[in-house]
């Protein structure tokens, strides 16, 4: 998925914004306040994941954003000024056939920008 996103950004000579959204665990339905310590850890992990792609595509300007909450909402909001939204679809698991998850489904239906769905394992 990242190779596709970086490649598309390189071909179109546009900046790439990588958004990683996560939902804090909630045992009782109550969402805890945003954990800045966990956010810093997730940001560091994302930087590590992006490092080889930044090296492979040095001409692509990349920004990364860590957000807490519903991923689909953040991606749809970000798609308002995007040339393309790239989302993933897991290929592992007991499901057969072309299935997508709730985040990808929501982005496909609500994004004003074109959406590329990339299968990954």
N, C-alpha and C. Protein backbone atom coordinates (compact mmCIF):
# COMPACT_ATOMS: atom_id res chain seq x y z
N UNK A 1 0.82 -1.19 0.00
CA UNK A 1 0.00 0.00 0.00
C UNK A 1 0.87 1.25 0.00
N UNK A 2 1.91 1.26 0.85
CA UNK A 2 2.79 2.43 0.89
C UNK A 2 3.55 2.62 -0.41
N UNK A 3 3.95 1.51 -1.03
CA UNK A 3 4.65 1.63 -2.32
C UNK A 3 3.74 2.29 -3.35
N UNK A 4 2.48 1.90 -3.37
CA UNK A 4 1.53 2.50 -4.30
C UNK A 4 1.37 4.00 -4.02
N UNK A 5 1.20 4.36 -2.74
CA UNK A 5 1.00 5.76 -2.37
C UNK A 5 2.22 6.61 -2.72
N UNK A 6 3.41 6.12 -2.38
CA UNK A 6 4.63 6.86 -2.70
C UNK A 6 4.81 6.97 -4.21
N UNK A 7 4.55 5.88 -4.92
CA UNK A 7 4.68 5.89 -6.38
C UNK A 7 3.72 6.87 -7.03
N UNK A 8 2.49 6.89 -6.56
CA UNK A 8 1.50 7.82 -7.10
C UNK A 8 1.91 9.26 -6.83
N UNK A 9 2.39 9.54 -5.63
CA UNK A 9 2.83 10.90 -5.30
C UNK A 9 4.03 11.30 -6.17
N UNK A 10 4.95 10.37 -6.39
CA UNK A 10 6.13 10.67 -7.22
C UNK A 10 5.71 10.94 -8.66
N UNK A 11 4.82 10.12 -9.22
CA UNK A 11 4.38 10.30 -10.61
C UNK A 11 3.64 11.63 -10.80
N UNK A 12 2.87 12.03 -9.80
CA UNK A 12 2.08 13.26 -9.92
C UNK A 12 2.83 14.48 -9.39
N UNK A 13 4.03 14.25 -8.85
CA UNK A 13 4.86 15.33 -8.27
C UNK A 13 4.07 16.13 -7.24
N UNK A 14 3.44 15.40 -6.31
CA UNK A 14 2.68 16.03 -5.23
C UNK A 14 3.18 15.52 -3.89
N UNK A 15 2.87 16.25 -2.85
CA UNK A 15 3.23 15.84 -1.49
C UNK A 15 2.34 14.69 -1.05
N UNK A 16 2.85 13.91 -0.14
CA UNK A 16 2.11 12.77 0.41
C UNK A 16 1.86 13.02 1.89
N UNK A 17 0.61 12.89 2.30
CA UNK A 17 0.27 13.00 3.72
C UNK A 17 -0.15 11.62 4.19
N UNK A 18 0.56 11.11 5.17
CA UNK A 18 0.26 9.79 5.74
C UNK A 18 -0.46 10.01 7.06
N UNK A 19 -1.67 9.48 7.15
CA UNK A 19 -2.47 9.63 8.36
C UNK A 19 -2.60 8.25 9.01
N UNK A 20 -2.22 8.20 10.27
CA UNK A 20 -2.40 6.97 11.04
C UNK A 20 -3.38 7.30 12.16
N UNK A 21 -4.54 6.68 12.10
CA UNK A 21 -5.56 6.90 13.12
C UNK A 21 -5.67 5.66 13.99
N UNK A 22 -5.81 5.86 15.26
CA UNK A 22 -5.96 4.74 16.19
C UNK A 22 -6.99 5.11 17.25
N UNK A 23 -7.66 4.11 17.70
CA UNK A 23 -8.66 4.30 18.75
C UNK A 23 -8.11 3.78 20.06
N UNK A 24 -8.04 4.62 21.08
CA UNK A 24 -7.58 4.15 22.38
C UNK A 24 -8.49 3.03 22.88
N UNK A 25 -7.94 2.02 23.54
CA UNK A 25 -8.78 0.92 24.04
C UNK A 25 -9.75 1.42 25.10
N UNK A 26 -10.91 0.81 25.09
CA UNK A 26 -11.94 1.20 26.04
C UNK A 26 -12.62 -0.06 26.55
N UNK A 27 -12.55 -0.28 27.84
CA UNK A 27 -13.14 -1.48 28.42
C UNK A 27 -14.63 -1.31 28.68
N UNK A 28 -15.07 -0.07 28.89
CA UNK A 28 -16.46 0.12 29.28
C UNK A 28 -17.25 0.99 28.31
N UNK A 29 -16.71 1.22 27.12
CA UNK A 29 -17.41 2.09 26.19
C UNK A 29 -17.01 3.55 26.36
N UNK A 30 -16.29 3.85 27.44
CA UNK A 30 -15.81 5.20 27.69
C UNK A 30 -14.45 5.36 27.03
N UNK A 31 -14.30 6.36 26.20
CA UNK A 31 -13.03 6.59 25.54
C UNK A 31 -12.17 7.47 26.42
N UNK A 32 -10.98 6.99 26.73
CA UNK A 32 -10.05 7.73 27.58
C UNK A 32 -9.55 8.96 26.84
N UNK A 33 -9.09 9.96 27.58
CA UNK A 33 -8.50 11.13 26.94
C UNK A 33 -7.30 10.72 26.08
N UNK A 34 -6.99 11.55 25.12
CA UNK A 34 -5.88 11.28 24.21
C UNK A 34 -4.59 11.08 24.99
N UNK A 35 -3.92 9.97 24.79
CA UNK A 35 -2.70 9.61 25.50
C UNK A 35 -1.50 10.11 24.70
N UNK A 36 -0.89 11.22 25.15
CA UNK A 36 0.22 11.80 24.40
C UNK A 36 1.44 10.89 24.40
N UNK A 37 1.64 10.10 25.45
CA UNK A 37 2.75 9.15 25.48
C UNK A 37 2.59 8.09 24.41
N UNK A 38 1.41 7.54 24.29
CA UNK A 38 1.13 6.53 23.26
C UNK A 38 1.22 7.16 21.88
N UNK A 39 0.75 8.38 21.75
CA UNK A 39 0.81 9.08 20.47
C UNK A 39 2.25 9.24 20.01
N UNK A 40 3.15 9.59 20.93
CA UNK A 40 4.57 9.75 20.58
C UNK A 40 5.16 8.41 20.15
N UNK A 41 4.77 7.33 20.81
CA UNK A 41 5.25 6.00 20.43
C UNK A 41 4.76 5.63 19.04
N UNK A 42 3.49 5.88 18.76
CA UNK A 42 2.92 5.56 17.45
C UNK A 42 3.60 6.41 16.37
N UNK A 43 3.87 7.68 16.66
CA UNK A 43 4.55 8.55 15.70
C UNK A 43 5.95 8.02 15.39
N UNK A 44 6.65 7.56 16.40
CA UNK A 44 7.99 7.00 16.20
C UNK A 44 7.93 5.73 15.36
N UNK A 45 6.95 4.88 15.63
CA UNK A 45 6.78 3.66 14.86
C UNK A 45 6.45 3.98 13.40
N UNK A 46 5.60 4.97 13.18
CA UNK A 46 5.25 5.36 11.82
C UNK A 46 6.47 5.91 11.08
N UNK A 47 7.28 6.70 11.76
CA UNK A 47 8.51 7.22 11.16
C UNK A 47 9.40 6.07 10.72
N UNK A 48 9.50 5.04 11.57
CA UNK A 48 10.32 3.86 11.23
C UNK A 48 9.77 3.13 10.01
N UNK A 49 8.46 3.00 9.93
CA UNK A 49 7.83 2.30 8.80
C UNK A 49 8.03 3.09 7.51
N UNK A 50 7.97 4.41 7.58
CA UNK A 50 8.09 5.24 6.39
C UNK A 50 9.54 5.42 5.92
N UNK A 51 10.49 5.21 6.79
CA UNK A 51 11.91 5.48 6.47
C UNK A 51 12.36 4.83 5.16
N UNK A 52 12.14 3.52 4.94
CA UNK A 52 12.62 2.95 3.67
C UNK A 52 11.93 3.53 2.45
N UNK A 53 10.68 3.94 2.60
CA UNK A 53 9.95 4.51 1.46
C UNK A 53 10.43 5.92 1.16
N UNK A 54 10.78 6.67 2.19
CA UNK A 54 11.37 8.00 1.98
C UNK A 54 12.70 7.87 1.26
N UNK A 55 13.47 6.82 1.59
CA UNK A 55 14.75 6.59 0.93
C UNK A 55 14.55 6.20 -0.53
N UNK A 56 13.58 5.34 -0.78
CA UNK A 56 13.31 4.87 -2.15
C UNK A 56 12.72 5.97 -3.02
N UNK A 57 11.97 6.89 -2.42
CA UNK A 57 11.33 7.98 -3.16
C UNK A 57 11.77 9.32 -2.56
N UNK A 58 13.05 9.69 -2.73
CA UNK A 58 13.57 10.90 -2.07
C UNK A 58 12.92 12.20 -2.56
N UNK A 59 12.32 12.20 -3.73
CA UNK A 59 11.70 13.41 -4.26
C UNK A 59 10.29 13.67 -3.74
N UNK A 60 9.75 12.73 -2.96
CA UNK A 60 8.38 12.89 -2.45
C UNK A 60 8.43 13.56 -1.08
N UNK A 61 7.78 14.70 -0.99
CA UNK A 61 7.64 15.39 0.30
C UNK A 61 6.58 14.63 1.10
N UNK A 62 6.91 14.25 2.33
CA UNK A 62 6.02 13.44 3.15
C UNK A 62 5.75 14.13 4.48
N UNK A 63 4.50 14.20 4.85
CA UNK A 63 4.14 14.62 6.20
C UNK A 63 3.37 13.47 6.83
N UNK A 64 3.49 13.36 8.14
CA UNK A 64 2.76 12.30 8.82
C UNK A 64 1.92 12.91 9.93
N UNK A 65 0.77 12.32 10.12
CA UNK A 65 -0.18 12.83 11.10
C UNK A 65 -0.72 11.65 11.89
N UNK A 66 -0.65 11.76 13.22
CA UNK A 66 -1.19 10.75 14.11
C UNK A 66 -2.45 11.34 14.74
N UNK A 67 -3.55 10.63 14.63
CA UNK A 67 -4.81 11.11 15.18
C UNK A 67 -5.48 10.00 15.96
N UNK A 68 -6.19 10.37 16.98
CA UNK A 68 -6.96 9.39 17.76
C UNK A 68 -8.42 9.54 17.38
N UNK A 69 -9.10 8.43 17.35
CA UNK A 69 -10.52 8.47 17.03
C UNK A 69 -10.84 7.57 15.84
N UNK A 70 -11.94 7.84 15.23
CA UNK A 70 -12.41 6.99 14.14
C UNK A 70 -11.62 7.26 12.86
N UNK A 71 -10.91 6.26 12.37
CA UNK A 71 -10.08 6.46 11.18
C UNK A 71 -10.85 6.97 9.97
N UNK A 72 -12.03 6.43 9.73
CA UNK A 72 -12.80 6.83 8.55
C UNK A 72 -13.11 8.32 8.58
N UNK A 73 -13.47 8.84 9.73
CA UNK A 73 -13.80 10.27 9.84
C UNK A 73 -12.59 11.13 9.47
N UNK A 74 -11.42 10.77 10.00
CA UNK A 74 -10.20 11.53 9.71
C UNK A 74 -9.83 11.44 8.24
N UNK A 75 -9.96 10.26 7.65
CA UNK A 75 -9.60 10.10 6.24
C UNK A 75 -10.57 10.85 5.32
N UNK A 76 -11.84 10.81 5.63
CA UNK A 76 -12.81 11.55 4.82
C UNK A 76 -12.57 13.05 4.93
N UNK A 77 -12.30 13.53 6.14
CA UNK A 77 -11.99 14.95 6.32
C UNK A 77 -10.76 15.34 5.51
N UNK A 78 -9.72 14.51 5.56
CA UNK A 78 -8.48 14.81 4.84
C UNK A 78 -8.67 14.72 3.33
N UNK A 79 -9.63 13.95 2.88
CA UNK A 79 -9.83 13.78 1.45
C UNK A 79 -10.40 15.02 0.77
N UNK A 80 -10.86 15.97 1.56
CA UNK A 80 -11.44 17.20 0.98
C UNK A 80 -10.45 17.94 0.10
N UNK A 81 -9.16 17.88 0.44
CA UNK A 81 -8.16 18.58 -0.37
C UNK A 81 -7.11 17.62 -0.94
N UNK A 82 -7.49 16.36 -1.12
CA UNK A 82 -6.55 15.35 -1.63
C UNK A 82 -6.78 15.10 -3.12
N UNK A 83 -5.70 14.77 -3.81
CA UNK A 83 -5.82 14.36 -5.20
C UNK A 83 -6.20 12.89 -5.30
N UNK A 84 -5.81 12.12 -4.28
CA UNK A 84 -6.08 10.69 -4.25
C UNK A 84 -6.01 10.23 -2.80
N UNK A 85 -6.90 9.34 -2.41
CA UNK A 85 -6.86 8.72 -1.08
C UNK A 85 -6.51 7.26 -1.29
N UNK A 86 -5.50 6.78 -0.57
CA UNK A 86 -5.09 5.38 -0.67
C UNK A 86 -5.42 4.70 0.64
N UNK A 87 -6.21 3.65 0.57
CA UNK A 87 -6.57 2.87 1.75
C UNK A 87 -6.25 1.40 1.47
N UNK A 88 -6.11 0.64 2.53
CA UNK A 88 -5.75 -0.76 2.38
C UNK A 88 -6.91 -1.70 2.60
N UNK A 89 -6.69 -2.93 2.15
CA UNK A 89 -7.66 -4.01 2.36
C UNK A 89 -6.84 -5.24 2.69
N UNK A 90 -7.07 -5.80 3.88
CA UNK A 90 -6.36 -7.01 4.27
C UNK A 90 -6.78 -8.18 3.41
N UNK A 91 -5.81 -9.02 3.10
CA UNK A 91 -6.11 -10.21 2.31
C UNK A 91 -6.03 -11.47 3.15
N UNK A 92 -5.64 -11.32 4.41
CA UNK A 92 -5.56 -12.48 5.31
C UNK A 92 -6.92 -12.74 5.96
N UNK A 93 -7.05 -13.91 6.52
CA UNK A 93 -8.25 -14.22 7.29
C UNK A 93 -9.13 -15.22 6.60
N UNK A 94 -10.23 -15.57 7.26
CA UNK A 94 -11.11 -16.63 6.76
C UNK A 94 -12.01 -16.19 5.61
N UNK A 95 -12.07 -14.91 5.35
CA UNK A 95 -12.97 -14.43 4.30
C UNK A 95 -12.48 -14.86 2.92
N UNK A 96 -13.42 -15.06 2.04
CA UNK A 96 -13.08 -15.34 0.65
C UNK A 96 -13.72 -14.27 -0.21
N UNK A 97 -13.12 -14.01 -1.34
CA UNK A 97 -13.66 -13.01 -2.24
C UNK A 97 -13.21 -11.61 -1.88
N UNK A 98 -13.57 -10.66 -2.70
CA UNK A 98 -13.14 -9.28 -2.49
C UNK A 98 -13.97 -8.59 -1.41
N UNK A 99 -13.42 -8.49 -0.22
CA UNK A 99 -14.12 -7.87 0.90
C UNK A 99 -13.33 -6.66 1.37
N UNK A 100 -14.06 -5.69 1.87
CA UNK A 100 -13.41 -4.51 2.45
C UNK A 100 -13.93 -4.32 3.87
N UNK A 101 -13.17 -3.62 4.66
CA UNK A 101 -13.56 -3.34 6.03
C UNK A 101 -14.39 -2.07 6.13
N UNK A 102 -14.84 -1.74 7.33
CA UNK A 102 -15.71 -0.58 7.52
C UNK A 102 -15.03 0.75 7.22
N UNK A 103 -13.73 0.86 7.47
CA UNK A 103 -13.04 2.13 7.18
C UNK A 103 -12.99 2.35 5.68
N UNK A 104 -12.54 1.35 4.95
CA UNK A 104 -12.47 1.47 3.49
C UNK A 104 -13.85 1.71 2.90
N UNK A 105 -14.84 1.01 3.39
CA UNK A 105 -16.21 1.18 2.90
C UNK A 105 -16.68 2.63 3.09
N UNK A 106 -16.45 3.17 4.27
CA UNK A 106 -16.86 4.54 4.56
C UNK A 106 -16.14 5.55 3.67
N UNK A 107 -14.83 5.36 3.51
CA UNK A 107 -14.05 6.29 2.68
C UNK A 107 -14.51 6.21 1.23
N UNK A 108 -14.75 5.01 0.72
CA UNK A 108 -15.22 4.85 -0.66
C UNK A 108 -16.53 5.60 -0.90
N UNK A 109 -17.42 5.56 0.08
CA UNK A 109 -18.73 6.18 -0.10
C UNK A 109 -18.78 7.67 0.21
N UNK A 110 -17.81 8.17 1.00
CA UNK A 110 -17.93 9.55 1.47
C UNK A 110 -16.82 10.48 1.00
N UNK A 111 -15.77 9.95 0.41
CA UNK A 111 -14.65 10.79 0.00
C UNK A 111 -14.98 11.56 -1.28
N UNK A 112 -14.70 12.88 -1.28
CA UNK A 112 -14.90 13.63 -2.51
C UNK A 112 -13.75 13.39 -3.51
N UNK A 113 -12.64 12.82 -3.04
CA UNK A 113 -11.49 12.54 -3.91
C UNK A 113 -11.55 11.09 -4.39
N UNK A 114 -10.86 10.79 -5.48
CA UNK A 114 -10.77 9.40 -5.92
C UNK A 114 -10.11 8.55 -4.82
N UNK A 115 -10.49 7.28 -4.75
CA UNK A 115 -9.97 6.39 -3.73
C UNK A 115 -9.37 5.16 -4.40
N UNK A 116 -8.14 4.81 -4.01
CA UNK A 116 -7.49 3.59 -4.46
C UNK A 116 -7.48 2.62 -3.28
N UNK A 117 -8.01 1.42 -3.50
CA UNK A 117 -8.02 0.38 -2.46
C UNK A 117 -6.96 -0.64 -2.84
N UNK A 118 -5.97 -0.77 -1.98
CA UNK A 118 -4.82 -1.64 -2.26
C UNK A 118 -4.84 -2.83 -1.29
N UNK A 119 -4.85 -4.02 -1.86
CA UNK A 119 -4.83 -5.24 -1.05
C UNK A 119 -3.43 -5.43 -0.48
N UNK A 120 -3.36 -5.81 0.77
CA UNK A 120 -2.09 -6.11 1.41
C UNK A 120 -2.30 -7.20 2.45
N UNK A 121 -1.24 -7.90 2.77
CA UNK A 121 -1.33 -9.03 3.69
C UNK A 121 -0.91 -8.62 5.01
